[in-house]
Amino acid sequence: MKNKLYSVLPDKSYVEELVRPWKLVTLAISMSWLFYGAIFYNIQDWDVGVTLLMGALTYLLAPWSVYIILSAIRYRPKFWYLHIAIALLVALFVVDWSYMAYHTIVGNQTFREENFYASAPLYFMAGAFWLYRGSVKEFLDNARKLN
């Protein structure tokens, strides 16, 4: 039996990580800023609907994308490059295709290239931030052990 290094599909522990208090608090803070921007910045392709859609998808999928990319590079399982391609396609779905689908359905003007340049780095930064599996206390304990 071959040793399973990681799973491409999210498992139960991944879903459990989504309800960690520190992650929910940082999601609320992030979404608050995005809602503020959607309401007050008066940018034609930024509204509450696209904020909800892209914000929720980023929270659910960005840590998974970053995890898959990093694990595929680290462990190099058979067809590792396909794992990376799948993770990048999921990222593309969140940062571009969901944006375009939403605005096409509601009839809003789009700034596709500008949205991509803004959303793609934010997606991967959020994924890296929410990737940590553990509590704030565990994070601080791990950080102290590094010294």
C-alpha atoms as a PDB file:
ATOM      1  CA  MET A   1       0.000   0.000   0.000  1.00  0.00           C
ATOM      2  CA  LYS A   2       1.371   3.375  -1.031  1.00  0.00           C
ATOM      3  CA  ASN A   3       1.758   6.093   1.604  1.00  0.00           C
ATOM      4  CA  LYS A   4      -0.814   8.827   1.078  1.00  0.00           C
ATOM      5  CA  LEU A   5       0.957  12.171   1.485  1.00  0.00           C
ATOM      6  CA  TYR A   6      -2.051  14.446   1.140  1.00  0.00           C
ATOM      7  CA  SER A   7      -5.521  14.448  -0.317  1.00  0.00           C
ATOM      8  CA  VAL A   8      -6.530  16.609  -3.261  1.00  0.00           C
ATOM      9  CA  LEU A   9     -10.087  16.705  -1.973  1.00  0.00           C
ATOM     10  CA  PRO A  10     -10.858  18.625   1.219  1.00  0.00           C
ATOM     11  CA  ASP A  11     -11.379  16.315   4.179  1.00  0.00           C
ATOM     12  CA  LYS A  12     -13.344  16.605   7.424  1.00  0.00           C
ATOM     13  CA  SER A  13     -10.497  18.422   9.166  1.00  0.00           C
ATOM     14  CA  TYR A  14     -10.476  21.063   6.415  1.00  0.00           C
ATOM     15  CA  VAL A  15     -14.162  21.747   7.003  1.00  0.00           C
ATOM     16  CA  GLU A  16     -13.592  21.878  10.777  1.00  0.00           C
ATOM     17  CA  GLU A  17     -10.863  24.498  10.237  1.00  0.00           C
ATOM     18  CA  LEU A  18     -13.386  26.811   8.573  1.00  0.00           C
ATOM     19  CA  VAL A  19     -15.204  27.339  11.882  1.00  0.00           C
ATOM     20  CA  ARG A  20     -12.182  28.236  14.006  1.00  0.00           C
ATOM     21  CA  PRO A  21     -13.031  31.447  15.870  1.00  0.00           C
ATOM     22  CA  TRP A  22      -9.938  33.370  14.704  1.00  0.00           C
ATOM     23  CA  LYS A  23     -10.711  32.503  11.084  1.00  0.00           C
ATOM     24  CA  LEU A  24     -14.347  33.564  11.422  1.00  0.00           C
ATOM     25  CA  VAL A  25     -13.308  36.831  13.101  1.00  0.00           C
ATOM     26  CA  THR A  26     -10.799  37.627  10.358  1.00  0.00           C
ATOM     27  CA  LEU A  27     -13.403  36.723   7.735  1.00  0.00           C
ATOM     28  CA  ALA A  28     -15.856  39.122   9.377  1.00  0.00           C
ATOM     29  CA  ILE A  29     -13.259  41.907   9.436  1.00  0.00           C
ATOM     30  CA  SER A  30     -12.339  41.289   5.790  1.00  0.00           C
ATOM     31  CA  MET A  31     -15.938  41.141   4.661  1.00  0.00           C
ATOM     32  CA  SER A  32     -16.732  44.333   6.590  1.00  0.00           C
ATOM     33  CA  TRP A  33     -14.065  46.194   4.671  1.00  0.00           C
ATOM     34  CA  LEU A  34     -15.291  44.715   1.380  1.00  0.00           C
ATOM     35  CA  PHE A  35     -18.899  45.666   2.179  1.00  0.00           C
ATOM     36  CA  TYR A  36     -17.758  49.181   3.048  1.00  0.00           C
ATOM     37  CA  GLY A  37     -15.994  49.413  -0.313  1.00  0.00           C
ATOM     38  CA  ALA A  38     -18.972  47.997  -2.183  1.00  0.00           C
ATOM     39  CA  ILE A  39     -21.276  50.583  -0.641  1.00  0.00           C
ATOM     40  CA  PHE A  40     -19.121  53.724  -0.461  1.00  0.00           C
ATOM     41  CA  TYR A  41     -16.341  53.524  -3.087  1.00  0.00           C
ATOM     42  CA  ASN A  42     -18.797  53.831  -6.000  1.00  0.00           C
ATOM     43  CA  ILE A  43     -16.898  51.457  -8.298  1.00  0.00           C
ATOM     44  CA  GLN A  44     -19.252  50.195 -10.989  1.00  0.00           C
ATOM     45  CA  ASP A  45     -18.297  46.524 -10.813  1.00  0.00           C
ATOM     46  CA  TRP A  46     -18.057  46.287  -7.019  1.00  0.00           C
ATOM     47  CA  ASP A  47     -21.320  45.686  -5.223  1.00  0.00           C
ATOM     48  CA  VAL A  48     -22.640  43.716  -2.269  1.00  0.00           C
ATOM     49  CA  GLY A  49     -23.548  40.707  -4.416  1.00  0.00           C
ATOM     50  CA  VAL A  50     -20.116  40.198  -5.906  1.00  0.00           C
ATOM     51  CA  THR A  51     -18.602  40.845  -2.470  1.00  0.00           C
ATOM     52  CA  LEU A  52     -20.683  38.038  -0.947  1.00  0.00           C
ATOM     53  CA  LEU A  53     -19.965  35.652  -3.813  1.00  0.00           C
ATOM     54  CA  MET A  54     -16.253  36.182  -4.167  1.00  0.00           C
ATOM     55  CA  GLY A  55     -15.646  36.661  -0.431  1.00  0.00           C
ATOM     56  CA  ALA A  56     -17.384  33.415   0.482  1.00  0.00           C
ATOM     57  CA  LEU A  57     -15.682  31.447  -2.290  1.00  0.00           C
ATOM     58  CA  THR A  58     -12.295  32.842  -1.296  1.00  0.00           C
ATOM     59  CA  TYR A  59     -12.823  31.853   2.344  1.00  0.00           C
ATOM     60  CA  LEU A  60     -13.910  28.353   1.356  1.00  0.00           C
ATOM     61  CA  LEU A  61     -11.405  27.630  -1.408  1.00  0.00           C
ATOM     62  CA  ALA A  62      -8.271  29.802  -1.148  1.00  0.00           C
ATOM     63  CA  PRO A  63      -6.653  27.873   1.739  1.00  0.00           C
ATOM     64  CA  TRP A  64      -7.298  24.643  -0.174  1.00  0.00           C
ATOM     65  CA  SER A  65      -5.692  26.034  -3.352  1.00  0.00           C
ATOM     66  CA  VAL A  66      -2.585  27.179  -1.487  1.00  0.00           C
ATOM     67  CA  TYR A  67      -2.382  23.863   0.399  1.00  0.00           C
ATOM     68  CA  ILE A  68      -2.612  21.810  -2.801  1.00  0.00           C
ATOM     69  CA  ILE A  69      -0.001  23.898  -4.620  1.00  0.00           C
ATOM     70  CA  LEU A  70       2.459  23.767  -1.710  1.00  0.00           C
ATOM     71  CA  SER A  71       1.872  20.040  -1.055  1.00  0.00           C
ATOM     72  CA  ALA A  72       2.211  19.097  -4.718  1.00  0.00           C
ATOM     73  CA  ILE A  73       5.519  20.954  -4.958  1.00  0.00           C
ATOM     74  CA  ARG A  74       6.787  19.500  -1.670  1.00  0.00           C
ATOM     75  CA  TYR A  75       5.768  15.835  -2.103  1.00  0.00           C
ATOM     76  CA  ARG A  76       5.695  15.502  -5.912  1.00  0.00           C
ATOM     77  CA  PRO A  77       3.155  12.652  -6.089  1.00  0.00           C
ATOM     78  CA  LYS A  78       2.333  11.069  -9.399  1.00  0.00           C
ATOM     79  CA  PHE A  79       0.683  13.710 -11.633  1.00  0.00           C
ATOM     80  CA  TRP A  80       1.590  16.472  -9.178  1.00  0.00           C
ATOM     81  CA  TYR A  81       1.421  19.049 -11.946  1.00  0.00           C
ATOM     82  CA  LEU A  82      -2.253  18.165 -12.478  1.00  0.00           C
ATOM     83  CA  HIS A  83      -2.902  18.879  -8.796  1.00  0.00           C
ATOM     84  CA  ILE A  84      -1.398  22.337  -9.279  1.00  0.00           C
ATOM     85  CA  ALA A  85      -3.437  22.858 -12.449  1.00  0.00           C
ATOM     86  CA  ILE A  86      -6.650  21.918 -10.610  1.00  0.00           C
ATOM     87  CA  ALA A  87      -5.829  24.314  -7.750  1.00  0.00           C
ATOM     88  CA  LEU A  88      -5.110  27.106 -10.231  1.00  0.00           C
ATOM     89  CA  LEU A  89      -8.361  26.407 -12.106  1.00  0.00           C
ATOM     90  CA  VAL A  90     -10.269  26.680  -8.826  1.00  0.00           C
ATOM     91  CA  ALA A  91      -8.502  29.988  -8.164  1.00  0.00           C
ATOM     92  CA  LEU A  92      -9.372  31.178 -11.673  1.00  0.00           C
ATOM     93  CA  PHE A  93     -12.993  30.208 -11.068  1.00  0.00           C
ATOM     94  CA  VAL A  94     -13.116  32.308  -7.905  1.00  0.00           C
ATOM     95  CA  VAL A  95     -11.193  35.394  -9.055  1.00  0.00           C
ATOM     96  CA  ASP A  96     -12.461  35.619 -12.638  1.00  0.00           C
ATOM     97  CA  TRP A  97     -15.210  33.262 -13.748  1.00  0.00           C
ATOM     98  CA  SER A  98     -17.499  33.865 -10.763  1.00  0.00           C
ATOM     99  CA  TYR A  99     -16.944  37.621 -11.202  1.00  0.00           C
ATOM    100  CA  MET A 100     -17.864  37.458 -14.885  1.00  0.00           C
ATOM    101  CA  ALA A 101     -20.840  35.140 -14.322  1.00  0.00           C
ATOM    102  CA  TYR A 102     -22.260  37.346 -11.573  1.00  0.00           C
ATOM    103  CA  HIS A 103     -21.941  40.574 -13.535  1.00  0.00           C
ATOM    104  CA  THR A 104     -23.280  38.978 -16.724  1.00  0.00           C
ATOM    105  CA  ILE A 105     -26.354  37.755 -14.846  1.00  0.00           C
ATOM    106  CA  VAL A 106     -27.069  41.098 -13.150  1.00  0.00           C
ATOM    107  CA  GLY A 107     -26.060  43.174 -16.180  1.00  0.00           C
ATOM    108  CA  ASN A 108     -23.282  45.217 -14.573  1.00  0.00           C
ATOM    109  CA  GLN A 109     -20.333  46.719 -16.371  1.00  0.00           C
ATOM    110  CA  THR A 110     -17.142  44.712 -15.859  1.00  0.00           C
ATOM    111  CA  PHE A 111     -13.488  45.583 -15.536  1.00  0.00           C
ATOM    112  CA  ARG A 112     -12.217  42.053 -15.988  1.00  0.00           C
ATOM    113  CA  GLU A 113      -8.491  42.697 -16.235  1.00  0.00           C
ATOM    114  CA  GLU A 114      -8.457  45.173 -13.358  1.00  0.00           C
ATOM    115  CA  ASN A 115     -10.500  42.790 -11.207  1.00  0.00           C
ATOM    116  CA  PHE A 116      -8.117  39.940 -11.964  1.00  0.00           C
ATOM    117  CA  TYR A 117      -5.051  41.989 -11.012  1.00  0.00           C
ATOM    118  CA  ALA A 118      -6.694  43.002  -7.726  1.00  0.00           C
ATOM    119  CA  SER A 119      -8.407  39.721  -6.835  1.00  0.00           C
ATOM    120  CA  ALA A 120      -5.751  37.125  -7.705  1.00  0.00           C
ATOM    121  CA  PRO A 121      -3.116  38.362  -5.215  1.00  0.00           C
ATOM    122  CA  LEU A 122      -5.781  38.848  -2.543  1.00  0.00           C
ATOM    123  CA  TYR A 123      -7.044  35.286  -3.128  1.00  0.00           C
ATOM    124  CA  PHE A 124      -3.592  33.756  -2.614  1.00  0.00           C
ATOM    125  CA  MET A 125      -2.728  36.021   0.323  1.00  0.00           C
ATOM    126  CA  ALA A 126      -6.011  35.072   2.010  1.00  0.00           C
ATOM    127  CA  GLY A 127      -5.303  31.417   1.273  1.00  0.00           C
ATOM    128  CA  ALA A 128      -1.860  31.653   2.844  1.00  0.00           C
ATOM    129  CA  PHE A 129      -3.260  33.514   5.865  1.00  0.00           C
ATOM    130  CA  TRP A 130      -6.099  31.037   6.480  1.00  0.00           C
ATOM    131  CA  LEU A 131      -3.955  27.989   5.682  1.00  0.00           C
ATOM    132  CA  TYR A 132      -2.686  27.573   9.255  1.00  0.00           C
ATOM    133  CA  ARG A 133      -4.413  24.670  10.964  1.00  0.00           C
ATOM    134  CA  GLY A 134      -4.652  25.490  14.604  1.00  0.00           C
ATOM    135  CA  SER A 135      -5.744  28.004  17.193  1.00  0.00           C
ATOM    136  CA  VAL A 136      -4.132  31.376  17.884  1.00  0.00           C
ATOM    137  CA  LYS A 137      -2.588  29.881  21.043  1.00  0.00           C
ATOM    138  CA  GLU A 138      -1.088  27.010  19.034  1.00  0.00           C
ATOM    139  CA  PHE A 139       0.266  29.470  16.489  1.00  0.00           C
ATOM    140  CA  LEU A 140       1.916  31.563  19.188  1.00  0.00           C
ATOM    141  CA  ASP A 141       3.369  28.436  20.835  1.00  0.00           C
ATOM    142  CA  ASN A 142       4.788  27.315  17.474  1.00  0.00           C
ATOM    143  CA  ALA A 143       6.217  30.786  16.834  1.00  0.00           C
ATOM    144  CA  ARG A 144       7.924  30.803  20.254  1.00  0.00           C
ATOM    145  CA  LYS A 145       9.529  27.440  19.528  1.00  0.00           C
ATOM    146  CA  LEU A 146      11.191  28.887  16.436  1.00  0.00           C
ATOM    147  CA  ASN A 147      13.438  31.115  18.572  1.00  0.00           C
END
